[in-house]
């Protein structure tokens, strides 16, 4: 763990790690003070995930050897690790309740949809997260399961943005202002852009939401840092180098 009393957020390469982005984005949106601990794979010493050196590196994150992992210090001085994105969101919301919608029923719905994001959309996840990737639409990867996932995403975003857009003070996010659910769905936007899938999203509000997230100042900050990375993780490439 980092030696500072500040929370320490353990992340994998920004270009590849959609889960890392979710927790980091929520904490940046809250203007929190925290340290970032980068676990970088794709170096000469650690060329890929799944290797013993990579396993040792990832074990620093916590008991699951996965990211994100938030290392915090209790009042007693004891260290504690929170892992899994939704659990991190809930921990943060203890001190920052506005991380979720204010209305009880909207809050429950946002949590439900956040868990859906964490446990579903496997076909879309098969498109490897790579912020620097730019590929034309590839029919070889597109199938009924991908189409079903994209219809569901379209439905969620269109429904929520249609309601939020009609309310005073709307800021362009799923429940008007930025909340945890926006952080949970943000990485999908890079997949849509990287593999030319944006045109498959249906609904004017849903389409506008994609661009609104990509234009978010903190999403831009993450993207810029990701584009400065040079490491390649072969296991996380959809189109491996030959």
Protein backbone atom coordinates (compact mmCIF):
# COMPACT_ATOMS: atom_id res chain seq x y z
CA UNK A 1 0.00 0.00 0.00
CA UNK A 2 1.05 3.57 -0.50
CA UNK A 3 2.40 5.18 2.67
CA UNK A 4 0.20 8.29 2.58
CA UNK A 5 -3.02 8.51 4.61
CA UNK A 6 -4.80 9.55 1.40
CA UNK A 7 -6.90 6.88 -0.31
CA UNK A 8 -4.86 4.99 -2.90
CA UNK A 9 -6.60 3.78 -6.05
CA UNK A 10 -4.86 0.86 -7.79
CA UNK A 11 -5.33 0.81 -11.55
CA UNK A 12 -4.17 -1.08 -14.64
CA UNK A 13 -3.00 0.57 -17.91
CA UNK A 14 -5.47 3.34 -18.72
CA UNK A 15 -5.70 2.40 -22.40
CA UNK A 16 -7.10 -1.02 -21.59
CA UNK A 17 -8.75 -1.00 -18.19
CA UNK A 18 -12.43 -0.12 -18.35
CA UNK A 19 -12.90 -1.07 -14.70
CA UNK A 20 -10.11 1.26 -13.64
CA UNK A 21 -11.78 4.14 -15.45
CA UNK A 22 -15.08 3.65 -13.63
CA UNK A 23 -13.74 4.11 -10.11
CA UNK A 24 -11.24 6.81 -11.08
CA UNK A 25 -13.91 8.83 -12.91
CA UNK A 26 -16.24 8.77 -9.91
CA UNK A 27 -13.48 9.96 -7.61
CA UNK A 28 -12.36 12.72 -9.99
CA UNK A 29 -15.95 13.89 -10.40
CA UNK A 30 -16.16 14.14 -6.61
CA UNK A 31 -12.98 16.27 -6.58
CA UNK A 32 -11.45 13.90 -4.05
CA UNK A 33 -7.84 13.93 -2.97
CA UNK A 34 -6.37 10.51 -3.66
CA UNK A 35 -3.24 8.81 -4.91
CA UNK A 36 -3.14 6.73 -8.06
CA UNK A 37 -1.03 3.58 -8.09
CA UNK A 38 -0.51 2.36 -11.65
CA UNK A 39 0.12 -1.33 -12.27
CA UNK A 40 1.64 -1.26 -15.75
CA UNK A 41 1.70 -4.36 -17.94
CA UNK A 42 3.18 -4.54 -21.44
CA UNK A 43 6.75 -3.71 -20.43
CA UNK A 44 9.87 -5.78 -21.23
CA UNK A 45 9.78 -7.08 -17.64
CA UNK A 46 6.04 -7.82 -17.65
CA UNK A 47 5.08 -8.32 -21.33
CA UNK A 48 1.56 -9.66 -20.81
CA UNK A 49 -1.14 -10.57 -18.34
CA UNK A 50 -1.29 -14.15 -17.12
CA UNK A 51 2.44 -14.44 -16.62
CA UNK A 52 3.93 -15.02 -13.15
CA UNK A 53 5.43 -11.51 -13.09
CA UNK A 54 2.05 -10.03 -13.99
CA UNK A 55 0.31 -12.11 -11.34
CA UNK A 56 2.75 -10.81 -8.73
CA UNK A 57 2.19 -7.24 -9.88
CA UNK A 58 -1.60 -7.55 -9.80
CA UNK A 59 -1.53 -9.13 -6.33
CA UNK A 60 -0.48 -5.72 -5.00
CA UNK A 61 -4.00 -4.46 -5.74
CA UNK A 62 -5.66 -6.68 -3.19
CA UNK A 63 -7.03 -10.15 -2.43
CA UNK A 64 -8.63 -10.66 -5.84
CA UNK A 65 -5.59 -9.40 -7.79
CA UNK A 66 -7.97 -7.25 -9.80
CA UNK A 67 -8.44 -3.54 -10.35
CA UNK A 68 -9.75 -1.15 -9.34
CA UNK A 69 -8.92 -1.53 -5.68
CA UNK A 70 -9.24 1.34 -3.24
CA UNK A 71 -6.84 1.24 -0.28
CA UNK A 72 -7.99 3.36 2.64
CA UNK A 73 -7.00 3.93 6.24
CA UNK A 74 -9.40 3.59 9.15
CA UNK A 75 -9.38 6.05 12.05
CA UNK A 76 -7.48 3.42 14.03
CA UNK A 77 -4.72 3.50 11.43
CA UNK A 78 -5.59 0.04 10.14
CA UNK A 79 -5.50 -0.37 6.37
CA UNK A 80 -8.58 -1.56 4.47
CA UNK A 81 -9.12 -2.53 0.82
CA UNK A 82 -12.37 -2.02 -1.09
CA UNK A 83 -12.60 -3.89 -4.38
CA UNK A 84 -15.21 -4.18 -7.15
CA UNK A 85 -16.52 -1.00 -8.74
CA UNK A 86 -20.01 -1.01 -7.28
CA UNK A 87 -18.62 -1.60 -3.79
CA UNK A 88 -16.24 1.31 -4.27
CA UNK A 89 -19.14 3.51 -5.39
CA UNK A 90 -21.12 2.57 -2.29
CA UNK A 91 -18.15 3.27 -0.03
CA UNK A 92 -17.66 6.70 -1.61
CA UNK A 93 -21.37 7.47 -1.31
CA UNK A 94 -21.14 7.12 2.47
CA UNK A 95 -19.28 10.46 2.48
CA UNK A 96 -20.62 11.79 -0.83
CA UNK A 97 -24.30 10.78 -1.01
CA UNK A 98 -24.81 12.91 -4.13
CA UNK A 99 -22.83 10.27 -6.02
CA UNK A 100 -26.23 8.59 -6.47
CA UNK A 101 -29.51 10.27 -7.48
CA UNK A 102 -31.37 12.07 -4.69
CA UNK A 103 -34.75 10.44 -5.23
CA UNK A 104 -35.07 7.08 -3.48
CA UNK A 105 -36.60 5.28 -6.44
CA UNK A 106 -34.20 6.80 -8.95
CA UNK A 107 -31.35 5.85 -6.65
CA UNK A 108 -32.52 2.23 -6.54
CA UNK A 109 -32.93 2.20 -10.33
CA UNK A 110 -29.46 3.66 -10.83
CA UNK A 111 -28.00 0.97 -8.58
CA UNK A 112 -29.88 -1.75 -10.46
CA UNK A 113 -28.60 -0.50 -13.80
CA UNK A 114 -25.07 -0.15 -12.45
CA UNK A 115 -25.08 -3.76 -11.33
CA UNK A 116 -26.49 -4.73 -14.73
CA UNK A 117 -23.51 -2.98 -16.31
CA UNK A 118 -21.14 -4.88 -14.03
CA UNK A 119 -22.66 -8.30 -14.71
CA UNK A 120 -24.09 -8.15 -18.23
CA UNK A 121 -23.28 -6.95 -21.77
CA UNK A 122 -20.79 -9.75 -22.33
CA UNK A 123 -21.03 -9.52 -26.11
CA UNK A 124 -20.05 -5.84 -26.09
CA UNK A 125 -17.25 -6.63 -23.63
CA UNK A 126 -15.81 -9.00 -26.22
CA UNK A 127 -14.74 -5.84 -28.04
CA UNK A 128 -11.50 -5.26 -26.16
CA UNK A 129 -11.23 -1.91 -24.44
CA UNK A 130 -8.55 0.10 -26.28
CA UNK A 131 -8.83 3.86 -26.23
CA UNK A 132 -6.19 4.35 -28.92
CA UNK A 133 -7.82 1.84 -31.28
CA UNK A 134 -9.69 3.12 -34.34
CA UNK A 135 -11.18 0.41 -36.52
CA UNK A 136 -13.85 0.43 -39.21
CA UNK A 137 -16.97 -1.61 -38.52
CA UNK A 138 -16.11 -5.31 -38.72
CA UNK A 139 -19.02 -7.59 -39.58
CA UNK A 140 -16.98 -10.61 -38.49
CA UNK A 141 -17.35 -9.58 -34.85
CA UNK A 142 -20.92 -8.33 -35.05
CA UNK A 143 -23.63 -10.86 -34.23
CA UNK A 144 -27.10 -11.19 -32.69
CA UNK A 145 -25.73 -11.07 -29.14
CA UNK A 146 -23.88 -7.82 -29.81
CA UNK A 147 -26.99 -6.36 -31.41
CA UNK A 148 -29.08 -7.39 -28.38
CA UNK A 149 -26.62 -5.71 -26.00
CA UNK A 150 -26.61 -2.52 -28.05
CA UNK A 151 -30.41 -2.43 -28.16
CA UNK A 152 -30.47 -2.72 -24.38
CA UNK A 153 -27.91 0.06 -23.98
CA UNK A 154 -29.90 2.22 -26.38
CA UNK A 155 -33.08 1.58 -24.40
CA UNK A 156 -31.50 2.49 -21.05
CA UNK A 157 -29.84 5.65 -22.29
CA UNK A 158 -32.80 6.83 -24.36
CA UNK A 159 -35.30 6.27 -21.54
CA UNK A 160 -33.26 8.05 -18.88
CA UNK A 161 -32.06 10.91 -21.04
CA UNK A 162 -35.56 11.54 -22.39
CA UNK A 163 -36.82 11.94 -18.81
CA UNK A 164 -33.85 13.97 -17.59
CA UNK A 165 -33.88 16.31 -20.58
CA UNK A 166 -37.40 17.40 -19.70
CA UNK A 167 -36.41 18.49 -16.19
CA UNK A 168 -35.05 21.84 -15.11
CA UNK A 169 -31.31 21.92 -14.48
CA UNK A 170 -30.51 18.98 -16.75
CA UNK A 171 -26.74 18.61 -17.26
CA UNK A 172 -26.84 15.92 -19.93
CA UNK A 173 -26.32 12.83 -17.78
CA UNK A 174 -28.57 9.83 -17.18
CA UNK A 175 -30.25 11.33 -14.12
CA UNK A 176 -29.58 14.94 -15.09
CA UNK A 177 -26.39 15.54 -13.12
CA UNK A 178 -23.37 13.26 -13.06
CA UNK A 179 -23.80 10.24 -10.79
CA UNK A 180 -22.20 6.83 -10.29
CA UNK A 181 -24.20 5.27 -13.10
CA UNK A 182 -22.53 7.60 -15.61
CA UNK A 183 -19.13 6.42 -14.38
CA UNK A 184 -20.26 2.81 -14.72
CA UNK A 185 -21.34 3.22 -18.35
CA UNK A 186 -18.58 5.59 -19.49
CA UNK A 187 -16.08 2.97 -20.74
CA UNK A 188 -18.65 1.60 -23.18
CA UNK A 189 -18.37 4.84 -25.14
CA UNK A 190 -14.75 4.10 -26.00
CA UNK A 191 -15.66 0.64 -27.25
CA UNK A 192 -18.39 2.12 -29.45
CA UNK A 193 -15.99 4.67 -30.86
CA UNK A 194 -13.01 2.35 -31.24
CA UNK A 195 -14.91 -0.22 -33.28
CA UNK A 196 -17.29 2.06 -35.19
CA UNK A 197 -20.41 0.88 -33.37
CA UNK A 198 -21.90 4.28 -32.54
CA UNK A 199 -24.25 4.11 -35.53
CA UNK A 200 -25.81 0.97 -34.04
CA UNK A 201 -27.10 2.91 -31.01
CA UNK A 202 -30.72 3.92 -31.45
CA UNK A 203 -32.43 7.10 -30.27
CA UNK A 204 -31.43 10.75 -30.48
CA UNK A 205 -30.96 11.09 -26.73
CA UNK A 206 -28.88 7.91 -26.52
CA UNK A 207 -26.65 9.02 -29.40
CA UNK A 208 -26.15 12.46 -27.84
CA UNK A 209 -25.30 10.85 -24.50
CA UNK A 210 -22.34 9.03 -26.04
CA UNK A 211 -20.77 12.30 -27.16
CA UNK A 212 -21.61 14.02 -23.89
CA UNK A 213 -19.67 11.40 -21.94
CA UNK A 214 -16.73 11.47 -24.35
CA UNK A 215 -16.63 15.26 -23.94
CA UNK A 216 -16.68 15.12 -20.12
CA UNK A 217 -13.57 16.91 -18.83
CA UNK A 218 -12.46 14.01 -16.66
CA UNK A 219 -13.09 11.43 -19.38
CA UNK A 220 -10.95 13.64 -21.65
CA UNK A 221 -8.28 13.76 -18.95
CA UNK A 222 -8.23 9.96 -18.75
CA UNK A 223 -8.18 9.65 -22.54
CA UNK A 224 -5.21 12.00 -22.84
CA UNK A 225 -3.27 10.02 -20.25
CA UNK A 226 -4.18 6.76 -22.00
CA UNK A 227 -2.97 8.06 -25.36
CA UNK A 228 0.41 8.84 -23.84
CA UNK A 229 0.86 5.22 -22.83
CA UNK A 230 3.00 3.17 -25.20
CA UNK A 231 2.72 -0.28 -23.63
CA UNK A 232 0.83 -3.03 -25.46
CA UNK A 233 -0.91 -5.86 -23.60
CA UNK A 234 -1.29 -8.64 -26.20
CA UNK A 235 -3.95 -10.43 -24.18
CA UNK A 236 -6.12 -7.31 -24.23
CA UNK A 237 -5.90 -6.67 -27.97
CA UNK A 238 -8.88 -7.53 -30.16
CA UNK A 239 -6.62 -7.54 -33.21
CA UNK A 240 -3.33 -9.10 -32.00
CA UNK A 241 -0.18 -8.13 -33.88
CA UNK A 242 1.03 -10.82 -36.23
